[in-house]
Amino acid sequence: MEEYIKKMFPEIKEIKDKKLREGVVSIWCNAMEKGKWKTLDNIPFTLLIPDVKKTLVEHTRMVTRIAMGIAKERKDLNYDLVVAGGLTHDVGKLLEYEKKEGRVIKSSLGKRIRHPVSGAALAMELGLDSLAHVIASHSKEGEFVERTPEAILIYHCDFTDFEIEKTKMR
């Protein structure tokens, strides 16, 4: 499964820190296993936009690449953490969603715990607390904590992609 994750998210190679790079792969593998996902194919990136075409993998890679571009220009951010945060910000959706009768819907866990929290828990299991912060604070949950610069970047890149996709449904 590790090779599958590396193939789906080639940006993983950009992460120089070995523990963080391997952690990103492990987090995705753990999420797939716990969420009982055999592949990442055709998982919508959101359930909030009816009939959305963009997949979770496409959205994740888009957010990551936008954040990488900004981080390269700024030069004052932890680049590895930006890449890892972009790649894992929505990993908790594998626990928030489930496939039932050919459709992706909210899981029973997802009705009680949103993906920023479950995704952060996956990172914390591996001792990746800085990454857990980026994951946990990338959405409205982040309004209750002091975001690091890397978390601010992922938050804005995520919402930029979401808002642009939303305009396509008008």
N, C-alpha and C. Protein backbone atom coordinates (compact mmCIF):
# COMPACT_ATOMS: atom_id res chain seq x y z
N MET A 1 0.82 -1.19 0.00
CA MET A 1 0.00 0.00 0.00
C MET A 1 0.87 1.27 0.00
N GLU A 2 2.05 1.18 0.58
CA GLU A 2 2.95 2.34 0.63
C GLU A 2 3.30 2.83 -0.77
N GLU A 3 3.59 1.91 -1.68
CA GLU A 3 3.94 2.30 -3.05
C GLU A 3 2.75 2.94 -3.74
N TYR A 4 1.56 2.45 -3.45
CA TYR A 4 0.34 3.02 -4.01
C TYR A 4 0.19 4.48 -3.57
N ILE A 5 0.41 4.74 -2.29
CA ILE A 5 0.30 6.11 -1.77
C ILE A 5 1.35 7.02 -2.41
N LYS A 6 2.57 6.53 -2.55
CA LYS A 6 3.63 7.32 -3.18
C LYS A 6 3.30 7.62 -4.64
N LYS A 7 2.64 6.68 -5.31
CA LYS A 7 2.23 6.89 -6.70
C LYS A 7 1.10 7.92 -6.78
N MET A 8 0.16 7.85 -5.86
CA MET A 8 -0.98 8.77 -5.87
C MET A 8 -0.56 10.20 -5.53
N PHE A 9 0.46 10.33 -4.69
CA PHE A 9 0.92 11.63 -4.22
C PHE A 9 2.43 11.79 -4.48
N PRO A 10 2.82 12.01 -5.72
CA PRO A 10 4.25 12.10 -6.04
C PRO A 10 4.96 13.26 -5.31
N GLU A 11 4.21 14.22 -4.81
CA GLU A 11 4.81 15.34 -4.07
C GLU A 11 5.49 14.88 -2.78
N ILE A 12 5.21 13.68 -2.34
CA ILE A 12 5.85 13.13 -1.14
C ILE A 12 7.37 13.20 -1.28
N LYS A 13 7.86 13.00 -2.50
CA LYS A 13 9.31 13.01 -2.75
C LYS A 13 9.95 14.35 -2.39
N GLU A 14 9.16 15.41 -2.35
CA GLU A 14 9.67 16.75 -2.02
C GLU A 14 10.07 16.89 -0.55
N ILE A 15 9.54 16.00 0.29
CA ILE A 15 9.79 16.10 1.74
C ILE A 15 11.16 15.49 2.04
N LYS A 16 12.08 16.32 2.50
CA LYS A 16 13.44 15.85 2.78
C LYS A 16 13.55 15.14 4.13
N ASP A 17 12.78 15.58 5.11
CA ASP A 17 12.82 14.98 6.45
C ASP A 17 12.23 13.58 6.38
N LYS A 18 13.07 12.58 6.63
CA LYS A 18 12.68 11.18 6.47
C LYS A 18 11.50 10.80 7.36
N LYS A 19 11.52 11.21 8.63
CA LYS A 19 10.43 10.86 9.55
C LYS A 19 9.10 11.45 9.07
N LEU A 20 9.15 12.68 8.60
CA LEU A 20 7.93 13.33 8.12
C LEU A 20 7.46 12.69 6.81
N ARG A 21 8.39 12.42 5.90
CA ARG A 21 8.05 11.79 4.62
C ARG A 21 7.40 10.42 4.85
N GLU A 22 8.04 9.61 5.68
CA GLU A 22 7.49 8.28 5.98
C GLU A 22 6.18 8.39 6.75
N GLY A 23 6.08 9.43 7.59
CA GLY A 23 4.85 9.65 8.35
C GLY A 23 3.66 9.95 7.46
N VAL A 24 3.87 10.75 6.43
CA VAL A 24 2.79 11.06 5.49
C VAL A 24 2.27 9.78 4.85
N VAL A 25 3.17 8.92 4.42
CA VAL A 25 2.78 7.65 3.80
C VAL A 25 2.03 6.79 4.82
N SER A 26 2.55 6.70 6.03
CA SER A 26 1.91 5.89 7.08
C SER A 26 0.52 6.40 7.44
N ILE A 27 0.38 7.72 7.51
CA ILE A 27 -0.93 8.30 7.85
C ILE A 27 -1.97 7.91 6.80
N TRP A 28 -1.61 8.02 5.53
CA TRP A 28 -2.55 7.63 4.48
C TRP A 28 -2.85 6.14 4.52
N CYS A 29 -1.83 5.31 4.73
CA CYS A 29 -2.05 3.86 4.82
C CYS A 29 -2.96 3.52 5.99
N ASN A 30 -2.71 4.13 7.15
CA ASN A 30 -3.54 3.89 8.33
C ASN A 30 -4.97 4.33 8.10
N ALA A 31 -5.15 5.48 7.47
CA ALA A 31 -6.50 5.98 7.20
C ALA A 31 -7.25 5.06 6.24
N MET A 32 -6.55 4.58 5.23
CA MET A 32 -7.20 3.65 4.29
C MET A 32 -7.62 2.38 5.00
N GLU A 33 -6.74 1.88 5.84
CA GLU A 33 -7.03 0.65 6.57
C GLU A 33 -8.20 0.85 7.54
N LYS A 34 -8.13 1.89 8.35
CA LYS A 34 -9.19 2.14 9.34
C LYS A 34 -10.52 2.47 8.68
N GLY A 35 -10.47 3.16 7.54
CA GLY A 35 -11.71 3.51 6.84
C GLY A 35 -12.18 2.44 5.87
N LYS A 36 -11.40 1.37 5.76
CA LYS A 36 -11.72 0.24 4.89
C LYS A 36 -11.81 0.64 3.41
N TRP A 37 -10.89 1.50 2.99
CA TRP A 37 -10.82 1.92 1.60
C TRP A 37 -9.78 1.06 0.88
N LYS A 38 -10.15 0.47 -0.24
CA LYS A 38 -9.21 -0.33 -1.02
C LYS A 38 -8.39 0.56 -1.97
N THR A 39 -9.02 1.63 -2.47
CA THR A 39 -8.34 2.59 -3.33
C THR A 39 -8.82 3.99 -2.95
N LEU A 40 -8.17 4.98 -3.53
CA LEU A 40 -8.59 6.36 -3.33
C LEU A 40 -9.36 6.89 -4.54
N ASP A 41 -9.67 6.01 -5.47
CA ASP A 41 -10.37 6.39 -6.68
C ASP A 41 -11.79 6.87 -6.39
N ASN A 42 -12.15 7.95 -7.05
CA ASN A 42 -13.53 8.46 -7.06
C ASN A 42 -14.09 8.87 -5.71
N ILE A 43 -13.23 9.18 -4.76
CA ILE A 43 -13.71 9.74 -3.49
C ILE A 43 -13.82 11.25 -3.71
N PRO A 44 -15.02 11.82 -3.54
CA PRO A 44 -15.14 13.27 -3.74
C PRO A 44 -14.36 14.02 -2.67
N PHE A 45 -13.85 15.20 -3.03
CA PHE A 45 -13.08 15.94 -2.04
C PHE A 45 -13.98 16.60 -1.00
N THR A 46 -15.27 16.75 -1.32
CA THR A 46 -16.21 17.32 -0.37
C THR A 46 -17.60 16.75 -0.64
N LEU A 47 -18.40 16.72 0.41
CA LEU A 47 -19.80 16.34 0.28
C LEU A 47 -20.67 17.59 0.32
N LEU A 48 -20.05 18.76 0.46
CA LEU A 48 -20.78 20.02 0.58
C LEU A 48 -21.17 20.63 -0.76
N ILE A 49 -20.56 20.16 -1.85
CA ILE A 49 -20.88 20.64 -3.19
C ILE A 49 -21.55 19.47 -3.93
N PRO A 50 -22.83 19.60 -4.24
CA PRO A 50 -23.53 18.49 -4.93
C PRO A 50 -22.87 18.17 -6.27
N ASP A 51 -22.74 16.90 -6.55
CA ASP A 51 -22.18 16.42 -7.82
C ASP A 51 -20.80 16.97 -8.16
N VAL A 52 -19.99 17.20 -7.14
CA VAL A 52 -18.64 17.71 -7.37
C VAL A 52 -17.84 16.69 -8.19
N LYS A 53 -17.06 17.20 -9.12
CA LYS A 53 -16.27 16.33 -9.99
C LYS A 53 -14.87 16.08 -9.44
N LYS A 54 -14.31 17.05 -8.74
CA LYS A 54 -12.94 16.94 -8.24
C LYS A 54 -12.86 15.87 -7.15
N THR A 55 -11.84 15.02 -7.26
CA THR A 55 -11.67 13.96 -6.27
C THR A 55 -10.82 14.43 -5.10
N LEU A 56 -10.82 13.64 -4.06
CA LEU A 56 -10.01 13.91 -2.89
C LEU A 56 -8.53 13.98 -3.26
N VAL A 57 -8.08 13.07 -4.09
CA VAL A 57 -6.67 13.06 -4.51
C VAL A 57 -6.35 14.32 -5.32
N GLU A 58 -7.21 14.69 -6.26
CA GLU A 58 -6.97 15.88 -7.08
C GLU A 58 -6.93 17.14 -6.20
N HIS A 59 -7.86 17.26 -5.28
CA HIS A 59 -7.90 18.41 -4.38
C HIS A 59 -6.65 18.45 -3.49
N THR A 60 -6.30 17.31 -2.94
CA THR A 60 -5.14 17.23 -2.06
C THR A 60 -3.88 17.66 -2.78
N ARG A 61 -3.71 17.18 -3.99
CA ARG A 61 -2.52 17.54 -4.77
C ARG A 61 -2.54 19.01 -5.17
N MET A 62 -3.72 19.54 -5.49
CA MET A 62 -3.84 20.96 -5.87
C MET A 62 -3.46 21.85 -4.68
N VAL A 63 -4.03 21.57 -3.52
CA VAL A 63 -3.72 22.36 -2.32
C VAL A 63 -2.22 22.29 -2.03
N THR A 64 -1.66 21.11 -2.14
CA THR A 64 -0.23 20.92 -1.87
C THR A 64 0.62 21.73 -2.84
N ARG A 65 0.31 21.65 -4.12
CA ARG A 65 1.12 22.36 -5.12
C ARG A 65 0.99 23.88 -4.99
N ILE A 66 -0.21 24.37 -4.68
CA ILE A 66 -0.37 25.81 -4.47
C ILE A 66 0.47 26.24 -3.26
N ALA A 67 0.38 25.48 -2.19
CA ALA A 67 1.14 25.80 -0.97
C ALA A 67 2.65 25.71 -1.21
N MET A 68 3.08 24.73 -1.98
CA MET A 68 4.51 24.59 -2.30
C MET A 68 5.01 25.83 -3.04
N GLY A 69 4.23 26.31 -4.00
CA GLY A 69 4.62 27.49 -4.76
C GLY A 69 4.79 28.71 -3.86
N ILE A 70 3.85 28.89 -2.96
CA ILE A 70 3.94 30.03 -2.05
C ILE A 70 5.13 29.86 -1.10
N ALA A 71 5.30 28.67 -0.56
CA ALA A 71 6.40 28.42 0.37
C ALA A 71 7.76 28.62 -0.30
N LYS A 72 7.87 28.25 -1.56
CA LYS A 72 9.13 28.46 -2.29
C LYS A 72 9.42 29.94 -2.45
N GLU A 73 8.40 30.73 -2.68
CA GLU A 73 8.57 32.18 -2.83
C GLU A 73 8.89 32.86 -1.50
N ARG A 74 8.22 32.44 -0.45
CA ARG A 74 8.39 33.10 0.85
C ARG A 74 9.75 32.77 1.47
N LYS A 75 10.14 31.53 1.42
CA LYS A 75 11.43 31.08 1.96
C LYS A 75 11.55 31.19 3.49
N ASP A 76 10.47 31.56 4.18
CA ASP A 76 10.54 31.67 5.64
C ASP A 76 9.61 30.67 6.33
N LEU A 77 9.20 29.65 5.60
CA LEU A 77 8.33 28.61 6.15
C LEU A 77 9.08 27.29 6.16
N ASN A 78 8.62 26.38 6.99
CA ASN A 78 9.17 25.03 7.00
C ASN A 78 8.57 24.31 5.79
N TYR A 79 9.35 24.23 4.72
CA TYR A 79 8.88 23.69 3.44
C TYR A 79 8.38 22.24 3.59
N ASP A 80 9.13 21.41 4.29
CA ASP A 80 8.72 20.02 4.49
C ASP A 80 7.35 19.95 5.17
N LEU A 81 7.15 20.78 6.18
CA LEU A 81 5.87 20.78 6.90
C LEU A 81 4.74 21.29 6.01
N VAL A 82 5.02 22.25 5.16
CA VAL A 82 4.01 22.74 4.20
C VAL A 82 3.58 21.62 3.26
N VAL A 83 4.56 20.91 2.70
CA VAL A 83 4.24 19.82 1.77
C VAL A 83 3.48 18.72 2.50
N ALA A 84 3.97 18.32 3.66
CA ALA A 84 3.30 17.27 4.44
C ALA A 84 1.89 17.70 4.85
N GLY A 85 1.74 18.95 5.26
CA GLY A 85 0.43 19.46 5.65
C GLY A 85 -0.55 19.49 4.49
N GLY A 86 -0.07 19.91 3.32
CA GLY A 86 -0.93 19.89 2.14
C GLY A 86 -1.37 18.48 1.80
N LEU A 87 -0.43 17.55 1.89
CA LEU A 87 -0.74 16.17 1.53
C LEU A 87 -1.67 15.47 2.52
N THR A 88 -1.70 15.92 3.75
CA THR A 88 -2.49 15.19 4.77
C THR A 88 -3.66 15.99 5.33
N HIS A 89 -3.85 17.23 4.89
CA HIS A 89 -4.88 18.05 5.53
C HIS A 89 -6.26 17.40 5.51
N ASP A 90 -6.59 16.64 4.48
CA ASP A 90 -7.91 16.02 4.38
C ASP A 90 -7.90 14.50 4.56
N VAL A 91 -6.79 13.95 5.05
CA VAL A 91 -6.70 12.48 5.19
C VAL A 91 -7.79 11.93 6.10
N GLY A 92 -8.24 12.73 7.05
CA GLY A 92 -9.31 12.29 7.96
C GLY A 92 -10.63 12.03 7.26
N LYS A 93 -10.76 12.50 6.01
CA LYS A 93 -12.00 12.22 5.26
C LYS A 93 -12.17 10.73 4.99
N LEU A 94 -11.07 9.98 5.03
CA LEU A 94 -11.19 8.53 4.86
C LEU A 94 -11.89 7.89 6.06
N LEU A 95 -11.94 8.61 7.17
CA LEU A 95 -12.68 8.15 8.35
C LEU A 95 -14.04 8.84 8.44
N GLU A 96 -14.13 10.06 7.92
CA GLU A 96 -15.38 10.82 7.95
C GLU A 96 -16.37 10.29 6.91
N TYR A 97 -15.87 9.71 5.85
CA TYR A 97 -16.71 9.19 4.76
C TYR A 97 -16.71 7.67 4.77
N GLU A 98 -17.71 7.12 4.10
CA GLU A 98 -17.74 5.69 3.81
C GLU A 98 -18.48 5.49 2.49
N LYS A 99 -18.23 4.36 1.87
CA LYS A 99 -18.91 4.03 0.62
C LYS A 99 -20.04 3.06 0.93
N LYS A 100 -21.24 3.44 0.53
CA LYS A 100 -22.42 2.60 0.76
C LYS A 100 -23.27 2.60 -0.50
N GLU A 101 -23.54 1.40 -0.99
CA GLU A 101 -24.36 1.25 -2.20
C GLU A 101 -23.84 2.10 -3.35
N GLY A 102 -22.51 2.13 -3.50
CA GLY A 102 -21.88 2.85 -4.59
C GLY A 102 -21.77 4.35 -4.41
N ARG A 103 -22.22 4.86 -3.28
CA ARG A 103 -22.15 6.31 -3.02
C ARG A 103 -21.26 6.58 -1.81
N VAL A 104 -20.60 7.73 -1.83
CA VAL A 104 -19.79 8.15 -0.69
C VAL A 104 -20.68 9.05 0.16
N ILE A 105 -20.79 8.67 1.46
CA ILE A 105 -21.64 9.40 2.41
C ILE A 105 -20.86 9.61 3.71
N LYS A 106 -21.44 10.39 4.61
CA LYS A 106 -20.84 10.55 5.95
C LYS A 106 -20.92 9.22 6.67
N SER A 107 -19.83 8.84 7.31
CA SER A 107 -19.82 7.63 8.13
C SER A 107 -20.44 7.96 9.49
N SER A 108 -20.70 6.94 10.27
CA SER A 108 -21.23 7.21 11.62
C SER A 108 -20.20 7.97 12.44
N LEU A 109 -18.91 7.65 12.28
CA LEU A 109 -17.85 8.40 12.96
C LEU A 109 -17.82 9.84 12.45
N GLY A 110 -17.95 10.00 11.14
CA GLY A 110 -17.91 11.32 10.53
C GLY A 110 -19.04 12.23 10.99
N LYS A 111 -20.12 11.66 11.42
CA LYS A 111 -21.24 12.46 11.94
C LYS A 111 -20.91 13.01 13.33
N ARG A 112 -19.92 12.41 13.99
CA ARG A 112 -19.55 12.83 15.35
C ARG A 112 -18.19 13.53 15.41
N ILE A 113 -17.28 13.14 14.52
CA ILE A 113 -15.92 13.69 14.54
C ILE A 113 -15.54 14.10 13.12
N ARG A 114 -15.26 15.39 12.93
CA ARG A 114 -14.89 15.88 11.61
C ARG A 114 -13.46 15.50 11.24
N HIS A 115 -13.19 15.54 9.95
CA HIS A 115 -11.89 15.08 9.42
C HIS A 115 -10.67 15.82 9.96
N PRO A 116 -10.73 17.11 10.31
CA PRO A 116 -9.52 17.72 10.88
C PRO A 116 -9.10 17.07 12.20
N VAL A 117 -10.08 16.63 12.97
CA VAL A 117 -9.79 16.00 14.26
C VAL A 117 -9.28 14.58 14.07
N SER A 118 -9.97 13.80 13.25
CA SER A 118 -9.53 12.41 13.04
C SER A 118 -8.19 12.37 12.31
N GLY A 119 -7.97 13.28 11.36
CA GLY A 119 -6.68 13.34 10.66
C GLY A 119 -5.54 13.71 11.60
N ALA A 120 -5.80 14.68 12.49
CA ALA A 120 -4.79 15.08 13.47
C ALA A 120 -4.45 13.92 14.40
N ALA A 121 -5.46 13.15 14.77
CA ALA A 121 -5.22 11.99 15.64
C ALA A 121 -4.28 10.99 14.96
N LEU A 122 -4.45 10.79 13.66
CA LEU A 122 -3.57 9.88 12.92
C LEU A 122 -2.12 10.37 12.97
N ALA A 123 -1.92 11.68 12.83
CA ALA A 123 -0.57 12.24 12.89
C ALA A 123 0.01 12.14 14.30
N MET A 124 -0.83 12.37 15.30
CA MET A 124 -0.36 12.30 16.69
C MET A 124 0.05 10.88 17.07
N GLU A 125 -0.62 9.89 16.51
CA GLU A 125 -0.24 8.49 16.77
C GLU A 125 1.21 8.23 16.39
N LEU A 126 1.71 8.99 15.43
CA LEU A 126 3.09 8.82 14.96
C LEU A 126 4.05 9.83 15.59
N GLY A 127 3.56 10.62 16.52
CA GLY A 127 4.39 11.62 17.18
C GLY A 127 4.69 12.82 16.31
N LEU A 128 3.86 13.09 15.32
CA LEU A 128 4.06 14.21 14.40
C LEU A 128 3.13 15.36 14.81
N ASP A 129 3.45 15.95 15.95
CA ASP A 129 2.57 16.97 16.54
C ASP A 129 2.47 18.24 15.70
N SER A 130 3.55 18.68 15.08
CA SER A 130 3.48 19.88 14.23
C SER A 130 2.58 19.63 13.03
N LEU A 131 2.66 18.45 12.47
CA LEU A 131 1.78 18.08 11.35
C LEU A 131 0.34 17.96 11.84
N ALA A 132 0.16 17.40 13.02
CA ALA A 132 -1.19 17.28 13.59
C ALA A 132 -1.83 18.66 13.73
N HIS A 133 -1.03 19.65 14.13
CA HIS A 133 -1.54 21.01 14.26
C HIS A 133 -2.03 21.54 12.91
N VAL A 134 -1.24 21.35 11.86
CA VAL A 134 -1.62 21.82 10.52
C VAL A 134 -2.93 21.15 10.09
N ILE A 135 -3.03 19.86 10.29
CA ILE A 135 -4.24 19.12 9.91
C ILE A 135 -5.44 19.59 10.72
N ALA A 136 -5.27 19.68 12.03
CA ALA A 136 -6.39 20.04 12.92
C ALA A 136 -6.89 21.45 12.69
N SER A 137 -5.99 22.35 12.29
CA SER A 137 -6.38 23.76 12.20
C SER A 137 -6.65 24.24 10.78
N HIS A 138 -6.72 23.31 9.81
CA HIS A 138 -6.91 23.75 8.42
C HIS A 138 -8.35 24.14 8.09
N SER A 139 -9.25 23.91 9.00
CA SER A 139 -10.66 24.20 8.75
C SER A 139 -11.19 25.06 9.89
N LYS A 140 -12.49 25.09 10.06
CA LYS A 140 -13.06 25.98 11.09
C LYS A 140 -12.58 25.64 12.50
N GLU A 141 -12.15 24.42 12.72
CA GLU A 141 -11.59 24.06 14.03
C GLU A 141 -10.39 24.93 14.38
N GLY A 142 -9.69 25.40 13.38
CA GLY A 142 -8.51 26.23 13.58
C GLY A 142 -8.82 27.62 14.12
N GLU A 143 -10.08 28.00 14.10
CA GLU A 143 -10.45 29.31 14.64
C GLU A 143 -10.28 29.39 16.15
N PHE A 144 -10.07 28.26 16.78
CA PHE A 144 -9.97 28.21 18.24
C PHE A 144 -8.55 28.05 18.76
N VAL A 145 -7.57 28.06 17.84
CA VAL A 145 -6.17 27.93 18.22
C VAL A 145 -5.34 28.98 17.50
N GLU A 146 -4.11 29.15 17.96
CA GLU A 146 -3.19 30.05 17.27
C GLU A 146 -2.48 29.25 16.19
N ARG A 147 -2.81 29.52 14.95
CA ARG A 147 -2.22 28.77 13.83
C ARG A 147 -0.76 29.18 13.61
N THR A 148 0.06 28.18 13.28
CA THR A 148 1.44 28.46 12.86
C THR A 148 1.39 29.02 11.42
N PRO A 149 2.47 29.63 10.95
CA PRO A 149 2.48 30.13 9.57
C PRO A 149 2.17 29.03 8.54
N GLU A 150 2.69 27.83 8.75
CA GLU A 150 2.43 26.72 7.83
C GLU A 150 0.95 26.35 7.83
N ALA A 151 0.33 26.37 9.00
CA ALA A 151 -1.10 26.06 9.11
C ALA A 151 -1.95 27.13 8.44
N ILE A 152 -1.54 28.38 8.58
CA ILE A 152 -2.25 29.49 7.91
C ILE A 152 -2.23 29.27 6.40
N LEU A 153 -1.08 28.91 5.87
CA LEU A 153 -0.94 28.70 4.44
C LEU A 153 -1.86 27.57 3.96
N ILE A 154 -1.83 26.43 4.62
CA ILE A 154 -2.66 25.30 4.20
C ILE A 154 -4.14 25.66 4.31
N TYR A 155 -4.52 26.35 5.37
CA TYR A 155 -5.91 26.79 5.55
C TYR A 155 -6.37 27.61 4.34
N HIS A 156 -5.57 28.59 3.94
CA HIS A 156 -5.97 29.45 2.84
C HIS A 156 -5.93 28.74 1.48
N CYS A 157 -4.96 27.89 1.27
CA CYS A 157 -4.89 27.14 0.01
C CYS A 157 -6.08 26.19 -0.12
N ASP A 158 -6.46 25.56 0.98
CA ASP A 158 -7.61 24.65 0.99
C ASP A 158 -8.88 25.42 0.64
N PHE A 159 -9.12 26.52 1.31
CA PHE A 159 -10.34 27.27 1.05
C PHE A 159 -10.34 27.93 -0.32
N THR A 160 -9.18 28.29 -0.83
CA THR A 160 -9.11 28.84 -2.18
C THR A 160 -9.60 27.80 -3.18
N ASP A 161 -9.07 26.59 -3.08
CA ASP A 161 -9.49 25.54 -4.01
C ASP A 161 -10.96 25.22 -3.84
N PHE A 162 -11.44 25.13 -2.59
CA PHE A 162 -12.85 24.84 -2.32
C PHE A 162 -13.75 25.90 -2.94
N GLU A 163 -13.44 27.17 -2.71
CA GLU A 163 -14.29 28.26 -3.20
C GLU A 163 -14.31 28.32 -4.73
N ILE A 164 -13.18 28.06 -5.36
CA ILE A 164 -13.15 28.04 -6.82
C ILE A 164 -14.02 26.91 -7.35
N GLU A 165 -13.93 25.74 -6.75
CA GLU A 165 -14.77 24.60 -7.18
C GLU A 165 -16.25 24.92 -6.98
N LYS A 166 -16.57 25.59 -5.89
CA LYS A 166 -17.96 25.94 -5.60
C LYS A 166 -18.55 26.84 -6.69
N THR A 167 -17.73 27.74 -7.26
CA THR A 167 -18.23 28.63 -8.31
C THR A 167 -18.61 27.87 -9.56
N LYS A 168 -18.03 26.71 -9.77
CA LYS A 168 -18.34 25.91 -10.96
C LYS A 168 -19.76 25.35 -10.91
N MET A 169 -20.34 25.34 -9.73
CA MET A 169 -21.68 24.75 -9.57
C MET A 169 -22.81 25.80 -9.70
N ARG A 170 -22.44 27.03 -9.94
CA ARG A 170 -23.47 28.08 -10.09
C ARG A 170 -24.20 27.94 -11.38
